[in-house]
Amino acid sequence: MPMGPEDSRRYGVPVVKEDLGEGSLRITGLVEKPEPDALNAYAARRAVYGQVIEGHWYDTGNPGAYLVAQFAHALAHPEYGPALRRLAGGAGATGR
C-alpha cells in the first residue's frame, strides 16, 4: 500500500523497479522491519513481483491492532458475527 516515509519503518517496504500496470509491480528488493530478510537477498538475484491489493487491511504488529483484526474478521463471519454483535449490544461485561 502507498505510505508516507514516516510510516515506512513499521512495515516491510518493497523496492519497486517497475510499475507493470493494473496494480502489478516489479520488485528488486525488500527492506523488512527490523532487518533485511531472505526475500531481499533473493530479489538481488532473481525477479520478484508484487501485487497492489485493493480493500481494507489490518496491521497486526502490536497486541491491540491484532485484536482489532481478529474481531473485525469474527464480526464479518456468518456464524460468529451475530453472537459477537449480541454480546456487544448487551448490558456490558459481566466477567463471565
PDB file of N, CA and C in Angstrom:
ATOM      1  N   MET A   1       0.838  -1.178   0.000  1.00  0.00           N
ATOM      2  CA  MET A   1       0.000   0.000   0.000  1.00  0.00           C
ATOM      3  C   MET A   1       0.876   1.232   0.000  1.00  0.00           C
ATOM      4  N   PRO A   2       0.447   2.275  -0.610  1.00  0.00           N
ATOM      5  CA  PRO A   2       1.210   3.516  -0.548  1.00  0.00           C
ATOM      6  C   PRO A   2       1.262   4.032   0.885  1.00  0.00           C
ATOM      7  N   MET A   3       2.403   4.605   1.278  1.00  0.00           N
ATOM      8  CA  MET A   3       2.547   5.141   2.628  1.00  0.00           C
ATOM      9  C   MET A   3       3.574   6.255   2.622  1.00  0.00           C
ATOM     10  N   GLY A   4       3.509   7.085   3.649  1.00  0.00           N
ATOM     11  CA  GLY A   4       4.476   8.163   3.805  1.00  0.00           C
ATOM     12  C   GLY A   4       5.770   7.633   4.393  1.00  0.00           C
ATOM     13  N   PRO A   5       6.879   8.348   4.183  1.00  0.00           N
ATOM     14  CA  PRO A   5       8.171   7.909   4.711  1.00  0.00           C
ATOM     15  C   PRO A   5       8.164   7.703   6.225  1.00  0.00           C
ATOM     16  N   GLU A   6       7.368   8.501   6.945  1.00  0.00           N
ATOM     17  CA  GLU A   6       7.334   8.369   8.403  1.00  0.00           C
ATOM     18  C   GLU A   6       6.747   7.034   8.863  1.00  0.00           C
ATOM     19  N   ASP A   7       5.942   6.376   8.026  1.00  0.00           N
ATOM     20  CA  ASP A   7       5.352   5.086   8.374  1.00  0.00           C
ATOM     21  C   ASP A   7       6.156   3.897   7.867  1.00  0.00           C
ATOM     22  N   SER A   8       7.120   4.141   6.996  1.00  0.00           N
ATOM     23  CA  SER A   8       7.821   3.037   6.336  1.00  0.00           C
ATOM     24  C   SER A   8       8.613   2.168   7.301  1.00  0.00           C
ATOM     25  N   ARG A   9       9.027   2.708   8.452  1.00  0.00           N
ATOM     26  CA  ARG A   9       9.805   1.904   9.399  1.00  0.00           C
ATOM     27  C   ARG A   9       8.961   0.849  10.110  1.00  0.00           C
ATOM     28  N   ARG A  10       7.650   0.941   9.979  1.00  0.00           N
ATOM     29  CA  ARG A  10       6.751  -0.003  10.643  1.00  0.00           C
ATOM     30  C   ARG A  10       6.451  -1.251   9.805  1.00  0.00           C
ATOM     31  N   TYR A  11       6.820  -1.232   8.525  1.00  0.00           N
ATOM     32  CA  TYR A  11       6.408  -2.300   7.617  1.00  0.00           C
ATOM     33  C   TYR A  11       7.561  -2.760   6.743  1.00  0.00           C
ATOM     34  N   GLY A  12       7.383  -3.910   6.104  1.00  0.00           N
ATOM     35  CA  GLY A  12       8.278  -4.303   5.031  1.00  0.00           C
ATOM     36  C   GLY A  12       7.965  -3.441   3.822  1.00  0.00           C
ATOM     37  N   VAL A  13       8.967  -2.848   3.217  1.00  0.00           N
ATOM     38  CA  VAL A  13       8.748  -1.918   2.108  1.00  0.00           C
ATOM     39  C   VAL A  13       9.451  -2.447   0.870  1.00  0.00           C
ATOM     40  N   PRO A  14       8.717  -2.656  -0.226  1.00  0.00           N
ATOM     41  CA  PRO A  14       9.351  -3.150  -1.450  1.00  0.00           C
ATOM     42  C   PRO A  14      10.138  -2.053  -2.153  1.00  0.00           C
ATOM     43  N   VAL A  15      11.206  -2.463  -2.814  1.00  0.00           N
ATOM     44  CA  VAL A  15      11.941  -1.579  -3.700  1.00  0.00           C
ATOM     45  C   VAL A  15      11.378  -1.848  -5.089  1.00  0.00           C
ATOM     46  N   VAL A  16      10.595  -0.914  -5.608  1.00  0.00           N
ATOM     47  CA  VAL A  16       9.870  -1.112  -6.863  1.00  0.00           C
ATOM     48  C   VAL A  16      10.739  -0.652  -8.024  1.00  0.00           C
ATOM     49  N   LYS A  17      11.026  -1.581  -8.942  1.00  0.00           N
ATOM     50  CA  LYS A  17      11.798  -1.256 -10.137  1.00  0.00           C
ATOM     51  C   LYS A  17      10.905  -0.747 -11.256  1.00  0.00           C
ATOM     52  N   GLU A  18       9.701  -1.361 -11.360  1.00  0.00           N
ATOM     53  CA  GLU A  18       8.839  -1.025 -12.490  1.00  0.00           C
ATOM     54  C   GLU A  18       7.383  -1.235 -12.108  1.00  0.00           C
ATOM     55  N   ASP A  19       6.531  -0.295 -12.507  1.00  0.00           N
ATOM     56  CA  ASP A  19       5.089  -0.425 -12.362  1.00  0.00           C
ATOM     57  C   ASP A  19       4.579  -1.062 -13.644  1.00  0.00           C
ATOM     58  N   LEU A  20       4.072  -2.290 -13.542  1.00  0.00           N
ATOM     59  CA  LEU A  20       3.629  -3.040 -14.721  1.00  0.00           C
ATOM     60  C   LEU A  20       2.181  -2.742 -15.096  1.00  0.00           C
ATOM     61  N   GLY A  21       1.520  -1.891 -14.320  1.00  0.00           N
ATOM     62  CA  GLY A  21       0.123  -1.553 -14.596  1.00  0.00           C
ATOM     63  C   GLY A  21      -0.835  -2.473 -13.887  1.00  0.00           C
ATOM     64  N   GLU A  22      -2.072  -2.010 -13.714  1.00  0.00           N
ATOM     65  CA  GLU A  22      -3.146  -2.770 -13.075  1.00  0.00           C
ATOM     66  C   GLU A  22      -2.743  -3.287 -11.693  1.00  0.00           C
ATOM     67  N   GLY A  23      -1.912  -2.532 -10.977  1.00  0.00           N
ATOM     68  CA  GLY A  23      -1.519  -2.909  -9.620  1.00  0.00           C
ATOM     69  C   GLY A  23      -0.350  -3.861  -9.524  1.00  0.00           C
ATOM     70  N   SER A  24       0.201  -4.316 -10.639  1.00  0.00           N
ATOM     71  CA  SER A  24       1.346  -5.229 -10.623  1.00  0.00           C
ATOM     72  C   SER A  24       2.649  -4.436 -10.618  1.00  0.00           C
ATOM     73  N   LEU A  25       3.616  -4.904  -9.841  1.00  0.00           N
ATOM     74  CA  LEU A  25       4.888  -4.212  -9.684  1.00  0.00           C
ATOM     75  C   LEU A  25       6.050  -5.174  -9.845  1.00  0.00           C
ATOM     76  N   ARG A  26       7.159  -4.722 -10.432  1.00  0.00           N
ATOM     77  CA  ARG A  26       8.412  -5.490 -10.459  1.00  0.00           C
ATOM     78  C   ARG A  26       9.216  -5.020  -9.262  1.00  0.00           C
ATOM     79  N   ILE A  27       9.566  -5.934  -8.365  1.00  0.00           N
ATOM     80  CA  ILE A  27      10.242  -5.613  -7.109  1.00  0.00           C
ATOM     81  C   ILE A  27      11.668  -6.131  -7.167  1.00  0.00           C
ATOM     82  N   THR A  28      12.635  -5.268  -6.823  1.00  0.00           N
ATOM     83  CA  THR A  28      14.042  -5.674  -6.844  1.00  0.00           C
ATOM     84  C   THR A  28      14.615  -5.862  -5.447  1.00  0.00           C
ATOM     85  N   GLY A  29      13.846  -5.594  -4.424  1.00  0.00           N
ATOM     86  CA  GLY A  29      14.326  -5.776  -3.055  1.00  0.00           C
ATOM     87  C   GLY A  29      13.228  -5.499  -2.064  1.00  0.00           C
ATOM     88  N   LEU A  30      13.517  -5.792  -0.810  1.00  0.00           N
ATOM     89  CA  LEU A  30      12.563  -5.560   0.256  1.00  0.00           C
ATOM     90  C   LEU A  30      13.326  -5.117   1.490  1.00  0.00           C
ATOM     91  N   VAL A  31      12.943  -3.984   2.028  1.00  0.00           N
ATOM     92  CA  VAL A  31      13.507  -3.528   3.282  1.00  0.00           C
ATOM     93  C   VAL A  31      12.512  -3.923   4.353  1.00  0.00           C
ATOM     94  N   GLU A  32      12.862  -4.928   5.131  1.00  0.00           N
ATOM     95  CA  GLU A  32      11.967  -5.516   6.120  1.00  0.00           C
ATOM     96  C   GLU A  32      12.259  -4.953   7.489  1.00  0.00           C
ATOM     97  N   LYS A  33      11.249  -4.885   8.338  1.00  0.00           N
ATOM     98  CA  LYS A  33      11.498  -4.488   9.716  1.00  0.00           C
ATOM     99  C   LYS A  33      11.759  -5.733  10.536  1.00  0.00           C
ATOM    100  N   PRO A  34      12.637  -5.787  11.451  1.00  0.00           N
ATOM    101  CA  PRO A  34      13.616  -4.745  11.725  1.00  0.00           C
ATOM    102  C   PRO A  34      14.886  -4.871  10.883  1.00  0.00           C
ATOM    103  N   GLU A  35      15.118  -6.009  10.260  1.00  0.00           N
ATOM    104  CA  GLU A  35      16.338  -6.248   9.485  1.00  0.00           C
ATOM    105  C   GLU A  35      15.979  -6.783   8.099  1.00  0.00           C
ATOM    106  N   PRO A  36      16.869  -6.591   7.098  1.00  0.00           N
ATOM    107  CA  PRO A  36      16.629  -7.215   5.783  1.00  0.00           C
ATOM    108  C   PRO A  36      16.533  -8.737   5.921  1.00  0.00           C
ATOM    109  N   ASP A  37      15.657  -9.361   5.147  1.00  0.00           N
ATOM    110  CA  ASP A  37      15.467 -10.826   5.238  1.00  0.00           C
ATOM    111  C   ASP A  37      15.812 -11.526   3.936  1.00  0.00           C
ATOM    112  N   ALA A  38      15.456 -12.791   3.853  1.00  0.00           N
ATOM    113  CA  ALA A  38      15.816 -13.639   2.717  1.00  0.00           C
ATOM    114  C   ALA A  38      15.207 -13.148   1.409  1.00  0.00           C
ATOM    115  N   LEU A  39      14.031 -12.527   1.444  1.00  0.00           N
ATOM    116  CA  LEU A  39      13.408 -12.047   0.217  1.00  0.00           C
ATOM    117  C   LEU A  39      14.263 -10.972  -0.443  1.00  0.00           C
ATOM    118  N   ASN A  40      14.894 -10.133   0.360  1.00  0.00           N
ATOM    119  CA  ASN A  40      15.765  -9.093  -0.188  1.00  0.00           C
ATOM    120  C   ASN A  40      16.958  -9.724  -0.905  1.00  0.00           C
ATOM    121  N   ALA A  41      17.566 -10.742  -0.311  1.00  0.00           N
ATOM    122  CA  ALA A  41      18.703 -11.421  -0.940  1.00  0.00           C
ATOM    123  C   ALA A  41      18.262 -12.128  -2.223  1.00  0.00           C
ATOM    124  N   TYR A  42      17.100 -12.759  -2.185  1.00  0.00           N
ATOM    125  CA  TYR A  42      16.577 -13.445  -3.368  1.00  0.00           C
ATOM    126  C   TYR A  42      16.320 -12.447  -4.499  1.00  0.00           C
ATOM    127  N   ALA A  43      15.723 -11.297  -4.159  1.00  0.00           N
ATOM    128  CA  ALA A  43      15.395 -10.297  -5.170  1.00  0.00           C
ATOM    129  C   ALA A  43      16.642  -9.700  -5.814  1.00  0.00           C
ATOM    130  N   ALA A  44      17.774  -9.776  -5.142  1.00  0.00           N
ATOM    131  CA  ALA A  44      19.011  -9.269  -5.728  1.00  0.00           C
ATOM    132  C   ALA A  44      19.485 -10.162  -6.875  1.00  0.00           C
ATOM    133  N   ARG A  45      19.042 -11.432  -6.899  1.00  0.00           N
ATOM    134  CA  ARG A  45      19.479 -12.393  -7.917  1.00  0.00           C
ATOM    135  C   ARG A  45      18.398 -12.782  -8.911  1.00  0.00           C
ATOM    136  N   ARG A  46      17.143 -12.711  -8.506  1.00  0.00           N
ATOM    137  CA  ARG A  46      16.045 -13.185  -9.349  1.00  0.00           C
ATOM    138  C   ARG A  46      14.893 -12.190  -9.331  1.00  0.00           C
ATOM    139  N   ALA A  47      14.021 -12.309 -10.308  1.00  0.00           N
ATOM    140  CA  ALA A  47      12.854 -11.421 -10.393  1.00  0.00           C
ATOM    141  C   ALA A  47      11.847 -11.764  -9.304  1.00  0.00           C
ATOM    142  N   VAL A  48      11.349 -10.754  -8.650  1.00  0.00           N
ATOM    143  CA  VAL A  48      10.278 -10.884  -7.656  1.00  0.00           C
ATOM    144  C   VAL A  48       9.187  -9.906  -8.062  1.00  0.00           C
ATOM    145  N   TYR A  49       7.927 -10.330  -7.988  1.00  0.00           N
ATOM    146  CA  TYR A  49       6.805  -9.491  -8.390  1.00  0.00           C
ATOM    147  C   TYR A  49       5.854  -9.306  -7.231  1.00  0.00           C
ATOM    148  N   GLY A  50       5.141  -8.204  -7.227  1.00  0.00           N
ATOM    149  CA  GLY A  50       4.162  -7.916  -6.189  1.00  0.00           C
ATOM    150  C   GLY A  50       2.847  -7.511  -6.812  1.00  0.00           C
ATOM    151  N   GLN A  51       1.826  -7.463  -5.997  1.00  0.00           N
ATOM    152  CA  GLN A  51       0.504  -7.067  -6.452  1.00  0.00           C
ATOM    153  C   GLN A  51      -0.081  -6.101  -5.430  1.00  0.00           C
ATOM    154  N   VAL A  52      -0.505  -4.942  -5.906  1.00  0.00           N
ATOM    155  CA  VAL A  52      -1.181  -3.994  -5.042  1.00  0.00           C
ATOM    156  C   VAL A  52      -2.558  -4.562  -4.724  1.00  0.00           C
ATOM    157  N   ILE A  53      -2.897  -4.620  -3.454  1.00  0.00           N
ATOM    158  CA  ILE A  53      -4.167  -5.201  -3.022  1.00  0.00           C
ATOM    159  C   ILE A  53      -5.153  -4.087  -2.717  1.00  0.00           C
ATOM    160  N   GLU A  54      -6.321  -4.176  -3.297  1.00  0.00           N
ATOM    161  CA  GLU A  54      -7.389  -3.214  -3.043  1.00  0.00           C
ATOM    162  C   GLU A  54      -8.171  -3.667  -1.811  1.00  0.00           C
ATOM    163  N   GLY A  55      -8.721  -2.717  -1.099  1.00  0.00           N
ATOM    164  CA  GLY A  55      -9.572  -3.054   0.025  1.00  0.00           C
ATOM    165  C   GLY A  55      -8.919  -2.735   1.362  1.00  0.00           C
ATOM    166  N   HIS A  56      -9.544  -3.172   2.430  1.00  0.00           N
ATOM    167  CA  HIS A  56      -9.086  -2.875   3.781  1.00  0.00           C
ATOM    168  C   HIS A  56      -8.119  -3.947   4.257  1.00  0.00           C
ATOM    169  N   TRP A  57      -7.130  -3.533   5.020  1.00  0.00           N
ATOM    170  CA  TRP A  57      -6.192  -4.476   5.619  1.00  0.00           C
ATOM    171  C   TRP A  57      -5.956  -4.035   7.051  1.00  0.00           C
ATOM    172  N   TYR A  58      -5.462  -4.956   7.862  1.00  0.00           N
ATOM    173  CA  TYR A  58      -5.233  -4.684   9.276  1.00  0.00           C
ATOM    174  C   TYR A  58      -3.768  -4.888   9.616  1.00  0.00           C
ATOM    175  N   ASP A  59      -3.235  -3.995  10.409  1.00  0.00           N
ATOM    176  CA  ASP A  59      -1.884  -4.114  10.944  1.00  0.00           C
ATOM    177  C   ASP A  59      -1.975  -5.029  12.168  1.00  0.00           C
ATOM    178  N   THR A  60      -1.119  -6.021  12.257  1.00  0.00           N
ATOM    179  CA  THR A  60      -1.134  -6.919  13.414  1.00  0.00           C
ATOM    180  C   THR A  60       0.190  -6.855  14.167  1.00  0.00           C
ATOM    181  N   GLY A  61       0.875  -5.715  14.067  1.00  0.00           N
ATOM    182  CA  GLY A  61       2.200  -5.579  14.655  1.00  0.00           C
ATOM    183  C   GLY A  61       2.223  -5.302  16.143  1.00  0.00           C
ATOM    184  N   ASN A  62       1.066  -5.132  16.767  1.00  0.00           N
ATOM    185  CA  ASN A  62       1.020  -4.957  18.224  1.00  0.00           C
ATOM    186  C   ASN A  62      -0.253  -5.621  18.737  1.00  0.00           C
ATOM    187  N   PRO A  63      -0.325  -5.929  20.028  1.00  0.00           N
ATOM    188  CA  PRO A  63      -1.482  -6.689  20.544  1.00  0.00           C
ATOM    189  C   PRO A  63      -2.830  -6.023  20.297  1.00  0.00           C
ATOM    190  N   GLY A  64      -2.932  -4.709  20.453  1.00  0.00           N
ATOM    191  CA  GLY A  64      -4.213  -4.035  20.231  1.00  0.00           C
ATOM    192  C   GLY A  64      -4.667  -4.132  18.789  1.00  0.00           C
ATOM    193  N   ALA A  65      -3.754  -3.886  17.858  1.00  0.00           N
ATOM    194  CA  ALA A  65      -4.090  -3.963  16.439  1.00  0.00           C
ATOM    195  C   ALA A  65      -4.432  -5.397  16.042  1.00  0.00           C
ATOM    196  N   TYR A  66      -3.745  -6.367  16.640  1.00  0.00           N
ATOM    197  CA  TYR A  66      -4.031  -7.772  16.358  1.00  0.00           C
ATOM    198  C   TYR A  66      -5.455  -8.118  16.810  1.00  0.00           C
ATOM    199  N   LEU A  67      -5.849  -7.644  17.989  1.00  0.00           N
ATOM    200  CA  LEU A  67      -7.211  -7.900  18.468  1.00  0.00           C
ATOM    201  C   LEU A  67      -8.257  -7.256  17.559  1.00  0.00           C
ATOM    202  N   VAL A  68      -7.990  -6.045  17.104  1.00  0.00           N
ATOM    203  CA  VAL A  68      -8.918  -5.378  16.188  1.00  0.00           C
ATOM    204  C   VAL A  68      -9.091  -6.223  14.925  1.00  0.00           C
ATOM    205  N   ALA A  69      -7.998  -6.739  14.383  1.00  0.00           N
ATOM    206  CA  ALA A  69      -8.068  -7.577  13.180  1.00  0.00           C
ATOM    207  C   ALA A  69      -8.887  -8.840  13.446  1.00  0.00           C
ATOM    208  N   GLN A  70      -8.664  -9.464  14.596  1.00  0.00           N
ATOM    209  CA  GLN A  70      -9.402 -10.688  14.934  1.00  0.00           C
ATOM    210  C   GLN A  70     -10.901 -10.413  15.080  1.00  0.00           C
ATOM    211  N   PHE A  71     -11.248  -9.331  15.785  1.00  0.00           N
ATOM    212  CA  PHE A  71     -12.657  -9.004  15.977  1.00  0.00           C
ATOM    213  C   PHE A  71     -13.323  -8.613  14.663  1.00  0.00           C
ATOM    214  N   ALA A  72     -12.631  -7.860  13.816  1.00  0.00           N
ATOM    215  CA  ALA A  72     -13.205  -7.482  12.530  1.00  0.00           C
ATOM    216  C   ALA A  72     -13.500  -8.729  11.694  1.00  0.00           C
ATOM    217  N   HIS A  73     -12.566  -9.666  11.704  1.00  0.00           N
ATOM    218  CA  HIS A  73     -12.777 -10.901  10.946  1.00  0.00           C
ATOM    219  C   HIS A  73     -13.942 -11.696  11.545  1.00  0.00           C
ATOM    220  N   ALA A  74     -13.981 -11.792  12.861  1.00  0.00           N
ATOM    221  CA  ALA A  74     -15.053 -12.545  13.515  1.00  0.00           C
ATOM    222  C   ALA A  74     -16.408 -11.886  13.286  1.00  0.00           C
ATOM    223  N   LEU A  75     -16.476 -10.560  13.349  1.00  0.00           N
ATOM    224  CA  LEU A  75     -17.747  -9.870  13.116  1.00  0.00           C
ATOM    225  C   LEU A  75     -18.266 -10.087  11.701  1.00  0.00           C
ATOM    226  N   ALA A  76     -17.370 -10.241  10.736  1.00  0.00           N
ATOM    227  CA  ALA A  76     -17.776 -10.463   9.349  1.00  0.00           C
ATOM    228  C   ALA A  76     -18.155 -11.920   9.081  1.00  0.00           C
ATOM    229  N   HIS A  77     -17.847 -12.822  10.002  1.00  0.00           N
ATOM    230  CA  HIS A  77     -18.117 -14.250   9.818  1.00  0.00           C
ATOM    231  C   HIS A  77     -19.606 -14.529  10.051  1.00  0.00           C
ATOM    232  N   PRO A  78     -20.244 -15.309   9.166  1.00  0.00           N
ATOM    233  CA  PRO A  78     -21.690 -15.537   9.301  1.00  0.00           C
ATOM    234  C   PRO A  78     -22.081 -16.295  10.573  1.00  0.00           C
ATOM    235  N   GLU A  79     -21.207 -17.118  11.108  1.00  0.00           N
ATOM    236  CA  GLU A  79     -21.540 -17.866  12.327  1.00  0.00           C
ATOM    237  C   GLU A  79     -21.203 -17.080  13.589  1.00  0.00           C
ATOM    238  N   TYR A  80     -20.027 -16.451  13.627  1.00  0.00           N
ATOM    239  CA  TYR A  80     -19.565 -15.790  14.851  1.00  0.00           C
ATOM    240  C   TYR A  80     -20.025 -14.345  14.963  1.00  0.00           C
ATOM    241  N   GLY A  81     -20.245 -13.681  13.854  1.00  0.00           N
ATOM    242  CA  GLY A  81     -20.629 -12.273  13.863  1.00  0.00           C
ATOM    243  C   GLY A  81     -21.889 -11.990  14.667  1.00  0.00           C
ATOM    244  N   PRO A  82     -22.982 -12.717  14.431  1.00  0.00           N
ATOM    245  CA  PRO A  82     -24.202 -12.440  15.190  1.00  0.00           C
ATOM    246  C   PRO A  82     -24.019 -12.592  16.701  1.00  0.00           C
ATOM    247  N   ALA A  83     -23.281 -13.602  17.129  1.00  0.00           N
ATOM    248  CA  ALA A  83     -23.055 -13.803  18.567  1.00  0.00           C
ATOM    249  C   ALA A  83     -22.252 -12.652  19.166  1.00  0.00           C
ATOM    250  N   LEU A  84     -21.239 -12.178  18.449  1.00  0.00           N
ATOM    251  CA  LEU A  84     -20.450 -11.055  18.948  1.00  0.00           C
ATOM    252  C   LEU A  84     -21.272  -9.767  18.987  1.00  0.00           C
ATOM    253  N   ARG A  85     -22.116  -9.574  17.982  1.00  0.00           N
ATOM    254  CA  ARG A  85     -22.959  -8.382  17.987  1.00  0.00           C
ATOM    255  C   ARG A  85     -23.962  -8.427  19.136  1.00  0.00           C
ATOM    256  N   ARG A  86     -24.496  -9.613  19.458  1.00  0.00           N
ATOM    257  CA  ARG A  86     -25.399  -9.736  20.609  1.00  0.00           C
ATOM    258  C   ARG A  86     -24.653  -9.400  21.892  1.00  0.00           C
ATOM    259  N   LEU A  87     -23.430  -9.888  22.020  1.00  0.00           N
ATOM    260  CA  LEU A  87     -22.618  -9.607  23.201  1.00  0.00           C
ATOM    261  C   LEU A  87     -22.352  -8.108  23.328  1.00  0.00           C
ATOM    262  N   ALA A  88     -22.001  -7.471  22.237  1.00  0.00           N
ATOM    263  CA  ALA A  88     -21.699  -6.040  22.256  1.00  0.00           C
ATOM    264  C   ALA A  88     -22.947  -5.211  22.554  1.00  0.00           C
ATOM    265  N   GLY A  89     -24.107  -5.701  22.176  1.00  0.00           N
ATOM    266  CA  GLY A  89     -25.347  -4.966  22.421  1.00  0.00           C
ATOM    267  C   GLY A  89     -25.931  -5.212  23.785  1.00  0.00           C
ATOM    268  N   GLY A  90     -25.299  -6.096  24.573  1.00  0.00           N
ATOM    269  CA  GLY A  90     -25.804  -6.434  25.901  1.00  0.00           C
ATOM    270  C   GLY A  90     -25.579  -5.315  26.903  1.00  0.00           C
ATOM    271  N   ALA A  91     -25.855  -5.628  28.148  1.00  0.00           N
ATOM    272  CA  ALA A  91     -25.796  -4.631  29.233  1.00  0.00           C
ATOM    273  C   ALA A  91     -24.378  -4.337  29.685  1.00  0.00           C
ATOM    274  N   GLY A  92     -23.381  -4.923  29.068  1.00  0.00           N
ATOM    275  CA  GLY A  92     -21.995  -4.673  29.475  1.00  0.00           C
ATOM    276  C   GLY A  92     -21.310  -5.955  29.888  1.00  0.00           C
ATOM    277  N   ALA A  93     -20.051  -5.854  30.224  1.00  0.00           N
ATOM    278  CA  ALA A  93     -19.278  -7.017  30.601  1.00  0.00           C
ATOM    279  C   ALA A  93     -19.738  -7.544  31.950  1.00  0.00           C
ATOM    280  N   THR A  94     -19.856  -8.861  32.041  1.00  0.00           N
ATOM    281  CA  THR A  94     -20.293  -9.463  33.294  1.00  0.00           C
ATOM    282  C   THR A  94     -19.168 -10.192  33.993  1.00  0.00           C
ATOM    283  N   GLY A  95     -18.010 -10.295  33.343  1.00  0.00           N
ATOM    284  CA  GLY A  95     -16.888 -11.016  33.949  1.00  0.00           C
ATOM    285  C   GLY A  95     -16.978 -12.505  33.778  1.00  0.00           C
ATOM    286  N   ARG A  96     -17.986 -12.978  33.020  1.00  0.00           N
ATOM    287  CA  ARG A  96     -18.114 -14.426  32.808  1.00  0.00           C
ATOM    288  C   ARG A  96     -17.496 -14.843  31.507  1.00  0.00           C
TER     289      ARG A  96
END
